[in-house]
Amino acid sequence: MEINKSIGQIIRDFREHKELLVRQVAALLEVDPSLLSKIERGDKRPTREQIRLLAKILEIDEKELTIAYLSDRLVYEVRDENFAMEAIKVAEQKIEYLKRSNTVV
């Protein structure tokens, strides 16, 4: 996956590569085509379940697509913060700590 692409761009690229129409993929997702268009444009974020289904429909590695989804969520949450990078580094340390200690912050 390219780091300069959003989750929506990745979904669109794979859909177009497979020569599928928005309405075809939307039908398989059981959503309105306008919602899928908004996801592809970055106006809406897909749900975790939609990510799972899109990975199957578009034959994308689910782990890769989930990583793109989660990284987008992080970026959109902290992109305008002055200390975003420092906060992400601390969050990474907290995640590692929680994994080791099996506790909740």
PDB file of N, CA and C in Angstrom:
ATOM      1  N   MET A   1       0.840  -1.184   0.000  1.00  0.00           N
ATOM      2  CA  MET A   1       0.000   0.000   0.000  1.00  0.00           C
ATOM      3  C   MET A   1       0.884   1.245   0.000  1.00  0.00           C
ATOM      4  N   GLU A   2       0.436   2.239  -0.709  1.00  0.00           N
ATOM      5  CA  GLU A   2       1.182   3.491  -0.761  1.00  0.00           C
ATOM      6  C   GLU A   2       0.790   4.366   0.423  1.00  0.00           C
ATOM      7  N   ILE A   3       1.796   4.935   1.093  1.00  0.00           N
ATOM      8  CA  ILE A   3       1.508   5.719   2.292  1.00  0.00           C
ATOM      9  C   ILE A   3       0.861   7.057   1.976  1.00  0.00           C
ATOM     10  N   ASN A   4       0.983   7.532   0.740  1.00  0.00           N
ATOM     11  CA  ASN A   4       0.402   8.826   0.400  1.00  0.00           C
ATOM     12  C   ASN A   4      -1.052   8.710  -0.052  1.00  0.00           C
ATOM     13  N   LYS A   5      -1.623   7.515   0.012  1.00  0.00           N
ATOM     14  CA  LYS A   5      -3.011   7.322  -0.407  1.00  0.00           C
ATOM     15  C   LYS A   5      -3.903   7.086   0.804  1.00  0.00           C
ATOM     16  N   SER A   6      -5.076   7.679   0.746  1.00  0.00           N
ATOM     17  CA  SER A   6      -6.061   7.472   1.807  1.00  0.00           C
ATOM     18  C   SER A   6      -6.748   6.125   1.596  1.00  0.00           C
ATOM     19  N   ILE A   7      -7.479   5.695   2.603  1.00  0.00           N
ATOM     20  CA  ILE A   7      -8.215   4.439   2.506  1.00  0.00           C
ATOM     21  C   ILE A   7      -9.195   4.497   1.333  1.00  0.00           C
ATOM     22  N   GLY A   8      -9.827   5.642   1.132  1.00  0.00           N
ATOM     23  CA  GLY A   8     -10.761   5.796   0.018  1.00  0.00           C
ATOM     24  C   GLY A   8     -10.084   5.670  -1.334  1.00  0.00           C
ATOM     25  N   GLN A   9      -8.917   6.261  -1.470  1.00  0.00           N
ATOM     26  CA  GLN A   9      -8.170   6.166  -2.728  1.00  0.00           C
ATOM     27  C   GLN A   9      -7.738   4.727  -3.000  1.00  0.00           C
ATOM     28  N   ILE A  10      -7.332   4.038  -1.961  1.00  0.00           N
ATOM     29  CA  ILE A  10      -6.926   2.635  -2.111  1.00  0.00           C
ATOM     30  C   ILE A  10      -8.111   1.800  -2.580  1.00  0.00           C
ATOM     31  N   ILE A  11      -9.266   2.006  -1.948  1.00  0.00           N
ATOM     32  CA  ILE A  11     -10.472   1.264  -2.325  1.00  0.00           C
ATOM     33  C   ILE A  11     -10.824   1.554  -3.779  1.00  0.00           C
ATOM     34  N   ARG A  12     -10.818   2.822  -4.162  1.00  0.00           N
ATOM     35  CA  ARG A  12     -11.140   3.194  -5.545  1.00  0.00           C
ATOM     36  C   ARG A  12     -10.157   2.549  -6.523  1.00  0.00           C
ATOM     37  N   ASP A  13      -8.872   2.629  -6.221  1.00  0.00           N
ATOM     38  CA  ASP A  13      -7.861   2.055  -7.118  1.00  0.00           C
ATOM     39  C   ASP A  13      -8.087   0.557  -7.334  1.00  0.00           C
ATOM     40  N   PHE A  14      -8.337  -0.172  -6.254  1.00  0.00           N
ATOM     41  CA  PHE A  14      -8.560  -1.613  -6.384  1.00  0.00           C
ATOM     42  C   PHE A  14      -9.871  -1.905  -7.103  1.00  0.00           C
ATOM     43  N   ARG A  15     -10.905  -1.120  -6.813  1.00  0.00           N
ATOM     44  CA  ARG A  15     -12.193  -1.325  -7.495  1.00  0.00           C
ATOM     45  C   ARG A  15     -12.033  -1.105  -8.994  1.00  0.00           C
ATOM     46  N   GLU A  16     -11.365  -0.010  -9.365  1.00  0.00           N
ATOM     47  CA  GLU A  16     -11.172   0.285 -10.786  1.00  0.00           C
ATOM     48  C   GLU A  16     -10.275  -0.756 -11.453  1.00  0.00           C
ATOM     49  N   HIS A  17      -9.264  -1.217 -10.740  1.00  0.00           N
ATOM     50  CA  HIS A  17      -8.379  -2.249 -11.292  1.00  0.00           C
ATOM     51  C   HIS A  17      -9.159  -3.527 -11.604  1.00  0.00           C
ATOM     52  N   LYS A  18     -10.133  -3.838 -10.764  1.00  0.00           N
ATOM     53  CA  LYS A  18     -10.967  -5.021 -10.978  1.00  0.00           C
ATOM     54  C   LYS A  18     -12.122  -4.737 -11.935  1.00  0.00           C
ATOM     55  N   GLU A  19     -12.172  -3.500 -12.449  1.00  0.00           N
ATOM     56  CA  GLU A  19     -13.198  -3.076 -13.405  1.00  0.00           C
ATOM     57  C   GLU A  19     -14.609  -3.273 -12.854  1.00  0.00           C
ATOM     58  N   LEU A  20     -14.770  -2.904 -11.591  1.00  0.00           N
ATOM     59  CA  LEU A  20     -16.076  -2.960 -10.946  1.00  0.00           C
ATOM     60  C   LEU A  20     -16.638  -1.553 -10.824  1.00  0.00           C
ATOM     61  N   LEU A  21     -17.936  -1.442 -10.990  1.00  0.00           N
ATOM     62  CA  LEU A  21     -18.612  -0.160 -10.824  1.00  0.00           C
ATOM     63  C   LEU A  21     -18.909   0.083  -9.347  1.00  0.00           C
ATOM     64  N   VAL A  22     -19.063   1.349  -8.996  1.00  0.00           N
ATOM     65  CA  VAL A  22     -19.415   1.702  -7.617  1.00  0.00           C
ATOM     66  C   VAL A  22     -20.672   0.960  -7.201  1.00  0.00           C
ATOM     67  N   ARG A  23     -21.667   0.957  -8.059  1.00  0.00           N
ATOM     68  CA  ARG A  23     -22.942   0.324  -7.685  1.00  0.00           C
ATOM     69  C   ARG A  23     -22.796  -1.180  -7.470  1.00  0.00           C
ATOM     70  N   GLN A  24     -21.877  -1.829  -8.197  1.00  0.00           N
ATOM     71  CA  GLN A  24     -21.665  -3.264  -8.013  1.00  0.00           C
ATOM     72  C   GLN A  24     -21.060  -3.555  -6.637  1.00  0.00           C
ATOM     73  N   VAL A  25     -20.034  -2.801  -6.287  1.00  0.00           N
ATOM     74  CA  VAL A  25     -19.388  -3.007  -4.989  1.00  0.00           C
ATOM     75  C   VAL A  25     -20.340  -2.607  -3.866  1.00  0.00           C
ATOM     76  N   ALA A  26     -21.063  -1.515  -4.056  1.00  0.00           N
ATOM     77  CA  ALA A  26     -22.026  -1.066  -3.047  1.00  0.00           C
ATOM     78  C   ALA A  26     -23.083  -2.140  -2.794  1.00  0.00           C
ATOM     79  N   ALA A  27     -23.545  -2.791  -3.850  1.00  0.00           N
ATOM     80  CA  ALA A  27     -24.544  -3.851  -3.693  1.00  0.00           C
ATOM     81  C   ALA A  27     -23.979  -5.007  -2.869  1.00  0.00           C
ATOM     82  N   LEU A  28     -22.727  -5.365  -3.118  1.00  0.00           N
ATOM     83  CA  LEU A  28     -22.100  -6.439  -2.346  1.00  0.00           C
ATOM     84  C   LEU A  28     -21.896  -6.043  -0.884  1.00  0.00           C
ATOM     85  N   LEU A  29     -21.670  -4.743  -0.655  1.00  0.00           N
ATOM     86  CA  LEU A  29     -21.520  -4.232   0.715  1.00  0.00           C
ATOM     87  C   LEU A  29     -22.865  -4.007   1.395  1.00  0.00           C
ATOM     88  N   GLU A  30     -23.922  -4.014   0.585  1.00  0.00           N
ATOM     89  CA  GLU A  30     -25.275  -3.709   1.043  1.00  0.00           C
ATOM     90  C   GLU A  30     -25.371  -2.285   1.573  1.00  0.00           C
ATOM     91  N   VAL A  31     -24.776  -1.347   0.798  1.00  0.00           N
ATOM     92  CA  VAL A  31     -24.874   0.078   1.113  1.00  0.00           C
ATOM     93  C   VAL A  31     -25.294   0.819  -0.144  1.00  0.00           C
ATOM     94  N   ASP A  32     -25.746   2.040   0.038  1.00  0.00           N
ATOM     95  CA  ASP A  32     -26.103   2.883  -1.091  1.00  0.00           C
ATOM     96  C   ASP A  32     -24.837   3.263  -1.856  1.00  0.00           C
ATOM     97  N   PRO A  33     -24.892   3.289  -3.184  1.00  0.00           N
ATOM     98  CA  PRO A  33     -23.710   3.685  -3.958  1.00  0.00           C
ATOM     99  C   PRO A  33     -23.149   5.051  -3.566  1.00  0.00           C
ATOM    100  N   SER A  34     -24.032   5.959  -3.145  1.00  0.00           N
ATOM    101  CA  SER A  34     -23.544   7.288  -2.752  1.00  0.00           C
ATOM    102  C   SER A  34     -22.639   7.202  -1.519  1.00  0.00           C
ATOM    103  N   LEU A  35     -22.904   6.258  -0.623  1.00  0.00           N
ATOM    104  CA  LEU A  35     -22.045   6.084   0.552  1.00  0.00           C
ATOM    105  C   LEU A  35     -20.661   5.598   0.133  1.00  0.00           C
ATOM    106  N   LEU A  36     -20.616   4.632  -0.765  1.00  0.00           N
ATOM    107  CA  LEU A  36     -19.318   4.141  -1.233  1.00  0.00           C
ATOM    108  C   LEU A  36     -18.558   5.254  -1.949  1.00  0.00           C
ATOM    109  N   SER A  37     -19.255   6.066  -2.728  1.00  0.00           N
ATOM    110  CA  SER A  37     -18.600   7.204  -3.393  1.00  0.00           C
ATOM    111  C   SER A  37     -18.016   8.166  -2.367  1.00  0.00           C
ATOM    112  N   LYS A  38     -18.755   8.416  -1.294  1.00  0.00           N
ATOM    113  CA  LYS A  38     -18.259   9.307  -0.236  1.00  0.00           C
ATOM    114  C   LYS A  38     -17.036   8.712   0.457  1.00  0.00           C
ATOM    115  N   ILE A  39     -17.032   7.410   0.649  1.00  0.00           N
ATOM    116  CA  ILE A  39     -15.870   6.743   1.244  1.00  0.00           C
ATOM    117  C   ILE A  39     -14.668   6.903   0.325  1.00  0.00           C
ATOM    118  N   GLU A  40     -14.865   6.662  -0.956  1.00  0.00           N
ATOM    119  CA  GLU A  40     -13.764   6.776  -1.914  1.00  0.00           C
ATOM    120  C   GLU A  40     -13.220   8.200  -2.002  1.00  0.00           C
ATOM    121  N   ARG A  41     -14.086   9.191  -1.861  1.00  0.00           N
ATOM    122  CA  ARG A  41     -13.653  10.599  -1.918  1.00  0.00           C
ATOM    123  C   ARG A  41     -13.063  11.083  -0.596  1.00  0.00           C
ATOM    124  N   GLY A  42     -13.257  10.308   0.467  1.00  0.00           N
ATOM    125  CA  GLY A  42     -12.749  10.712   1.770  1.00  0.00           C
ATOM    126  C   GLY A  42     -13.729  11.540   2.577  1.00  0.00           C
ATOM    127  N   ASP A  43     -14.976  11.624   2.110  1.00  0.00           N
ATOM    128  CA  ASP A  43     -15.997  12.382   2.835  1.00  0.00           C
ATOM    129  C   ASP A  43     -16.584  11.588   4.001  1.00  0.00           C
ATOM    130  N   LYS A  44     -16.530  10.283   3.916  1.00  0.00           N
ATOM    131  CA  LYS A  44     -17.005   9.384   4.982  1.00  0.00           C
ATOM    132  C   LYS A  44     -15.939   8.327   5.221  1.00  0.00           C
ATOM    133  N   ARG A  45     -15.923   7.791   6.428  1.00  0.00           N
ATOM    134  CA  ARG A  45     -15.000   6.698   6.740  1.00  0.00           C
ATOM    135  C   ARG A  45     -15.761   5.375   6.756  1.00  0.00           C
ATOM    136  N   PRO A  46     -15.150   4.334   6.229  1.00  0.00           N
ATOM    137  CA  PRO A  46     -15.810   3.022   6.287  1.00  0.00           C
ATOM    138  C   PRO A  46     -15.777   2.476   7.715  1.00  0.00           C
ATOM    139  N   THR A  47     -16.684   1.576   7.993  1.00  0.00           N
ATOM    140  CA  THR A  47     -16.670   0.888   9.285  1.00  0.00           C
ATOM    141  C   THR A  47     -15.667  -0.264   9.226  1.00  0.00           C
ATOM    142  N   ARG A  48     -15.355  -0.819  10.390  1.00  0.00           N
ATOM    143  CA  ARG A  48     -14.454  -1.979  10.417  1.00  0.00           C
ATOM    144  C   ARG A  48     -15.046  -3.141   9.618  1.00  0.00           C
ATOM    145  N   GLU A  49     -16.346  -3.345   9.734  1.00  0.00           N
ATOM    146  CA  GLU A  49     -17.002  -4.429   8.992  1.00  0.00           C
ATOM    147  C   GLU A  49     -16.927  -4.174   7.487  1.00  0.00           C
ATOM    148  N   GLN A  50     -17.120  -2.935   7.075  1.00  0.00           N
ATOM    149  CA  GLN A  50     -17.002  -2.613   5.652  1.00  0.00           C
ATOM    150  C   GLN A  50     -15.579  -2.846   5.149  1.00  0.00           C
ATOM    151  N   ILE A  51     -14.590  -2.550   5.981  1.00  0.00           N
ATOM    152  CA  ILE A  51     -13.193  -2.819   5.620  1.00  0.00           C
ATOM    153  C   ILE A  51     -13.000  -4.315   5.394  1.00  0.00           C
ATOM    154  N   ARG A  52     -13.525  -5.113   6.300  1.00  0.00           N
ATOM    155  CA  ARG A  52     -13.403  -6.570   6.180  1.00  0.00           C
ATOM    156  C   ARG A  52     -14.042  -7.070   4.884  1.00  0.00           C
ATOM    157  N   LEU A  53     -15.249  -6.580   4.601  1.00  0.00           N
ATOM    158  CA  LEU A  53     -15.952  -6.997   3.386  1.00  0.00           C
ATOM    159  C   LEU A  53     -15.258  -6.494   2.122  1.00  0.00           C
ATOM    160  N   LEU A  54     -14.794  -5.254   2.148  1.00  0.00           N
ATOM    161  CA  LEU A  54     -14.097  -4.706   0.981  1.00  0.00           C
ATOM    162  C   LEU A  54     -12.832  -5.494   0.673  1.00  0.00           C
ATOM    163  N   ALA A  55     -12.138  -5.921   1.704  1.00  0.00           N
ATOM    164  CA  ALA A  55     -10.932  -6.727   1.489  1.00  0.00           C
ATOM    165  C   ALA A  55     -11.281  -8.006   0.726  1.00  0.00           C
ATOM    166  N   LYS A  56     -12.382  -8.630   1.090  1.00  0.00           N
ATOM    167  CA  LYS A  56     -12.812  -9.847   0.391  1.00  0.00           C
ATOM    168  C   LYS A  56     -13.273  -9.540  -1.032  1.00  0.00           C
ATOM    169  N   ILE A  57     -14.125  -8.535  -1.162  1.00  0.00           N
ATOM    170  CA  ILE A  57     -14.691  -8.195  -2.470  1.00  0.00           C
ATOM    171  C   ILE A  57     -13.599  -7.802  -3.464  1.00  0.00           C
ATOM    172  N   LEU A  58     -12.665  -6.981  -3.008  1.00  0.00           N
ATOM    173  CA  LEU A  58     -11.640  -6.442  -3.901  1.00  0.00           C
ATOM    174  C   LEU A  58     -10.356  -7.273  -3.898  1.00  0.00           C
ATOM    175  N   GLU A  59     -10.368  -8.354  -3.120  1.00  0.00           N
ATOM    176  CA  GLU A  59      -9.211  -9.247  -3.023  1.00  0.00           C
ATOM    177  C   GLU A  59      -7.950  -8.491  -2.596  1.00  0.00           C
ATOM    178  N   ILE A  60      -8.113  -7.744  -1.494  1.00  0.00           N
ATOM    179  CA  ILE A  60      -7.018  -6.990  -0.883  1.00  0.00           C
ATOM    180  C   ILE A  60      -6.672  -7.697   0.422  1.00  0.00           C
ATOM    181  N   ASP A  61      -5.408  -7.740   0.761  1.00  0.00           N
ATOM    182  CA  ASP A  61      -5.005  -8.306   2.038  1.00  0.00           C
ATOM    183  C   ASP A  61      -5.695  -7.522   3.160  1.00  0.00           C
ATOM    184  N   GLU A  62      -6.475  -8.226   3.985  1.00  0.00           N
ATOM    185  CA  GLU A  62      -7.254  -7.552   5.032  1.00  0.00           C
ATOM    186  C   GLU A  62      -6.366  -6.807   6.020  1.00  0.00           C
ATOM    187  N   LYS A  63      -5.230  -7.376   6.355  1.00  0.00           N
ATOM    188  CA  LYS A  63      -4.309  -6.709   7.277  1.00  0.00           C
ATOM    189  C   LYS A  63      -3.836  -5.378   6.690  1.00  0.00           C
ATOM    190  N   GLU A  64      -3.445  -5.387   5.422  1.00  0.00           N
ATOM    191  CA  GLU A  64      -2.967  -4.162   4.764  1.00  0.00           C
ATOM    192  C   GLU A  64      -4.063  -3.092   4.738  1.00  0.00           C
ATOM    193  N   LEU A  65      -5.281  -3.510   4.398  1.00  0.00           N
ATOM    194  CA  LEU A  65      -6.382  -2.552   4.325  1.00  0.00           C
ATOM    195  C   LEU A  65      -6.730  -2.022   5.715  1.00  0.00           C
ATOM    196  N   THR A  66      -6.681  -2.873   6.717  1.00  0.00           N
ATOM    197  CA  THR A  66      -6.952  -2.443   8.091  1.00  0.00           C
ATOM    198  C   THR A  66      -5.893  -1.460   8.566  1.00  0.00           C
ATOM    199  N   ILE A  67      -4.639  -1.709   8.231  1.00  0.00           N
ATOM    200  CA  ILE A  67      -3.568  -0.781   8.602  1.00  0.00           C
ATOM    201  C   ILE A  67      -3.794   0.577   7.946  1.00  0.00           C
ATOM    202  N   ALA A  68      -4.177   0.575   6.684  1.00  0.00           N
ATOM    203  CA  ALA A  68      -4.461   1.839   5.990  1.00  0.00           C
ATOM    204  C   ALA A  68      -5.625   2.566   6.664  1.00  0.00           C
ATOM    205  N   TYR A  69      -6.653   1.813   7.038  1.00  0.00           N
ATOM    206  CA  TYR A  69      -7.829   2.369   7.713  1.00  0.00           C
ATOM    207  C   TYR A  69      -7.451   2.984   9.062  1.00  0.00           C
ATOM    208  N   LEU A  70      -6.696   2.232   9.867  1.00  0.00           N
ATOM    209  CA  LEU A  70      -6.313   2.730  11.191  1.00  0.00           C
ATOM    210  C   LEU A  70      -5.372   3.923  11.095  1.00  0.00           C
ATOM    211  N   SER A  71      -4.444   3.879  10.157  1.00  0.00           N
ATOM    212  CA  SER A  71      -3.513   5.004  10.015  1.00  0.00           C
ATOM    213  C   SER A  71      -4.256   6.261   9.580  1.00  0.00           C
ATOM    214  N   ASP A  72      -5.253   6.115   8.701  1.00  0.00           N
ATOM    215  CA  ASP A  72      -6.075   7.274   8.324  1.00  0.00           C
ATOM    216  C   ASP A  72      -6.782   7.850   9.545  1.00  0.00           C
ATOM    217  N   ARG A  73      -7.342   6.981  10.384  1.00  0.00           N
ATOM    218  CA  ARG A  73      -8.034   7.455  11.586  1.00  0.00           C
ATOM    219  C   ARG A  73      -7.094   8.259  12.469  1.00  0.00           C
ATOM    220  N   LEU A  74      -5.879   7.752  12.656  1.00  0.00           N
ATOM    221  CA  LEU A  74      -4.896   8.469  13.476  1.00  0.00           C
ATOM    222  C   LEU A  74      -4.542   9.814  12.860  1.00  0.00           C
ATOM    223  N   VAL A  75      -4.265   9.812  11.574  1.00  0.00           N
ATOM    224  CA  VAL A  75      -3.871  11.046  10.888  1.00  0.00           C
ATOM    225  C   VAL A  75      -4.967  12.096  10.999  1.00  0.00           C
ATOM    226  N   TYR A  76      -6.211  11.710  10.715  1.00  0.00           N
ATOM    227  CA  TYR A  76      -7.298  12.686  10.766  1.00  0.00           C
ATOM    228  C   TYR A  76      -7.543  13.198  12.180  1.00  0.00           C
ATOM    229  N   GLU A  77      -7.259  12.380  13.171  1.00  0.00           N
ATOM    230  CA  GLU A  77      -7.467  12.796  14.559  1.00  0.00           C
ATOM    231  C   GLU A  77      -6.424  13.806  15.022  1.00  0.00           C
ATOM    232  N   VAL A  78      -5.172  13.650  14.608  1.00  0.00           N
ATOM    233  CA  VAL A  78      -4.098  14.483  15.169  1.00  0.00           C
ATOM    234  C   VAL A  78      -3.404  15.406  14.164  1.00  0.00           C
ATOM    235  N   ARG A  79      -3.821  15.409  12.923  1.00  0.00           N
ATOM    236  CA  ARG A  79      -3.076  16.131  11.877  1.00  0.00           C
ATOM    237  C   ARG A  79      -2.859  17.610  12.157  1.00  0.00           C
ATOM    238  N   ASP A  80      -3.755  18.265  12.847  1.00  0.00           N
ATOM    239  CA  ASP A  80      -3.623  19.702  13.101  1.00  0.00           C
ATOM    240  C   ASP A  80      -2.988  20.016  14.452  1.00  0.00           C
ATOM    241  N   GLU A  81      -2.586  19.000  15.165  1.00  0.00           N
ATOM    242  CA  GLU A  81      -1.987  19.196  16.484  1.00  0.00           C
ATOM    243  C   GLU A  81      -0.496  19.507  16.358  1.00  0.00           C
ATOM    244  N   ASN A  82      -0.016  20.433  17.189  1.00  0.00           N
ATOM    245  CA  ASN A  82       1.400  20.809  17.156  1.00  0.00           C
ATOM    246  C   ASN A  82       2.328  19.666  17.555  1.00  0.00           C
ATOM    247  N   PHE A  83       1.870  18.814  18.430  1.00  0.00           N
ATOM    248  CA  PHE A  83       2.723  17.756  18.964  1.00  0.00           C
ATOM    249  C   PHE A  83       2.272  16.371  18.497  1.00  0.00           C
ATOM    250  N   ALA A  84       1.741  16.303  17.297  1.00  0.00           N
ATOM    251  CA  ALA A  84       1.173  15.054  16.782  1.00  0.00           C
ATOM    252  C   ALA A  84       2.179  13.911  16.776  1.00  0.00           C
ATOM    253  N   MET A  85       3.356  14.142  16.261  1.00  0.00           N
ATOM    254  CA  MET A  85       4.349  13.066  16.164  1.00  0.00           C
ATOM    255  C   MET A  85       4.776  12.570  17.542  1.00  0.00           C
ATOM    256  N   GLU A  86       4.962  13.496  18.465  1.00  0.00           N
ATOM    257  CA  GLU A  86       5.339  13.098  19.818  1.00  0.00           C
ATOM    258  C   GLU A  86       4.224  12.286  20.469  1.00  0.00           C
ATOM    259  N   ALA A  87       2.981  12.716  20.240  1.00  0.00           N
ATOM    260  CA  ALA A  87       1.833  12.007  20.804  1.00  0.00           C
ATOM    261  C   ALA A  87       1.726  10.597  20.224  1.00  0.00           C
ATOM    262  N   ILE A  88       1.993  10.455  18.940  1.00  0.00           N
ATOM    263  CA  ILE A  88       1.940   9.136  18.308  1.00  0.00           C
ATOM    264  C   ILE A  88       3.023   8.227  18.877  1.00  0.00           C
ATOM    265  N   LYS A  89       4.196   8.773  19.126  1.00  0.00           N
ATOM    266  CA  LYS A  89       5.277   7.973  19.715  1.00  0.00           C
ATOM    267  C   LYS A  89       4.911   7.506  21.120  1.00  0.00           C
ATOM    268  N   VAL A  90       4.307   8.395  21.904  1.00  0.00           N
ATOM    269  CA  VAL A  90       3.879   8.021  23.256  1.00  0.00           C
ATOM    270  C   VAL A  90       2.766   6.975  23.173  1.00  0.00           C
ATOM    271  N   ALA A  91       1.843   7.156  22.235  1.00  0.00           N
ATOM    272  CA  ALA A  91       0.764   6.181  22.061  1.00  0.00           C
ATOM    273  C   ALA A  91       1.328   4.807  21.710  1.00  0.00           C
ATOM    274  N   GLU A  92       2.350   4.780  20.866  1.00  0.00           N
ATOM    275  CA  GLU A  92       2.995   3.516  20.506  1.00  0.00           C
ATOM    276  C   GLU A  92       3.577   2.840  21.749  1.00  0.00           C
ATOM    277  N   GLN A  93       4.213   3.631  22.600  1.00  0.00           N
ATOM    278  CA  GLN A  93       4.779   3.085  23.838  1.00  0.00           C
ATOM    279  C   GLN A  93       3.677   2.559  24.756  1.00  0.00           C
ATOM    280  N   LYS A  94       2.569   3.290  24.830  1.00  0.00           N
ATOM    281  CA  LYS A  94       1.446   2.848  25.666  1.00  0.00           C
ATOM    282  C   LYS A  94       0.861   1.536  25.153  1.00  0.00           C
ATOM    283  N   ILE A  95       0.741   1.419  23.845  1.00  0.00           N
ATOM    284  CA  ILE A  95       0.214   0.183  23.262  1.00  0.00           C
ATOM    285  C   ILE A  95       1.114  -0.988  23.619  1.00  0.00           C
ATOM    286  N   GLU A  96       2.412  -0.800  23.488  1.00  0.00           N
ATOM    287  CA  GLU A  96       3.363  -1.862  23.838  1.00  0.00           C
ATOM    288  C   GLU A  96       3.255  -2.221  25.320  1.00  0.00           C
ATOM    289  N   TYR A  97       3.136  -1.214  26.166  1.00  0.00           N
ATOM    290  CA  TYR A  97       2.992  -1.454  27.608  1.00  0.00           C
ATOM    291  C   TYR A  97       1.720  -2.253  27.894  1.00  0.00           C
ATOM    292  N   LEU A  98       0.618  -1.837  27.275  1.00  0.00           N
ATOM    293  CA  LEU A  98      -0.652  -2.516  27.510  1.00  0.00           C
ATOM    294  C   LEU A  98      -0.612  -3.959  27.028  1.00  0.00           C
ATOM    295  N   LYS A  99       0.049  -4.194  25.922  1.00  0.00           N
ATOM    296  CA  LYS A  99       0.175  -5.566  25.424  1.00  0.00           C
ATOM    297  C   LYS A  99       0.953  -6.434  26.411  1.00  0.00           C
ATOM    298  N   ARG A 100       2.007  -5.863  26.978  1.00  0.00           N
ATOM    299  CA  ARG A 100       2.835  -6.613  27.927  1.00  0.00           C
ATOM    300  C   ARG A 100       2.120  -6.839  29.252  1.00  0.00           C
ATOM    301  N   SER A 101       1.429  -5.826  29.730  1.00  0.00           N
ATOM    302  CA  SER A 101       0.840  -5.920  31.071  1.00  0.00           C
ATOM    303  C   SER A 101      -0.617  -6.356  31.070  1.00  0.00           C
ATOM    304  N   ASN A 102      -1.236  -6.386  29.884  1.00  0.00           N
ATOM    305  CA  ASN A 102      -2.633  -6.799  29.772  1.00  0.00           C
ATOM    306  C   ASN A 102      -3.562  -5.933  30.611  1.00  0.00           C
ATOM    307  N   THR A 103      -3.303  -4.618  30.637  1.00  0.00           N
ATOM    308  CA  THR A 103      -4.140  -3.690  31.395  1.00  0.00           C
ATOM    309  C   THR A 103      -4.780  -2.686  30.453  1.00  0.00           C
ATOM    310  N   VAL A 104      -5.711  -1.927  30.994  1.00  0.00           N
ATOM    311  CA  VAL A 104      -6.417  -0.909  30.229  1.00  0.00           C
ATOM    312  C   VAL A 104      -6.099   0.447  30.819  1.00  0.00           C
ATOM    313  N   VAL A 105      -5.852   1.441  29.950  1.00  0.00           N
ATOM    314  CA  VAL A 105      -5.567   2.805  30.412  1.00  0.00           C
ATOM    315  C   VAL A 105      -6.865   3.482  30.753  1.00  0.00           C
TER     316      VAL A 105
END
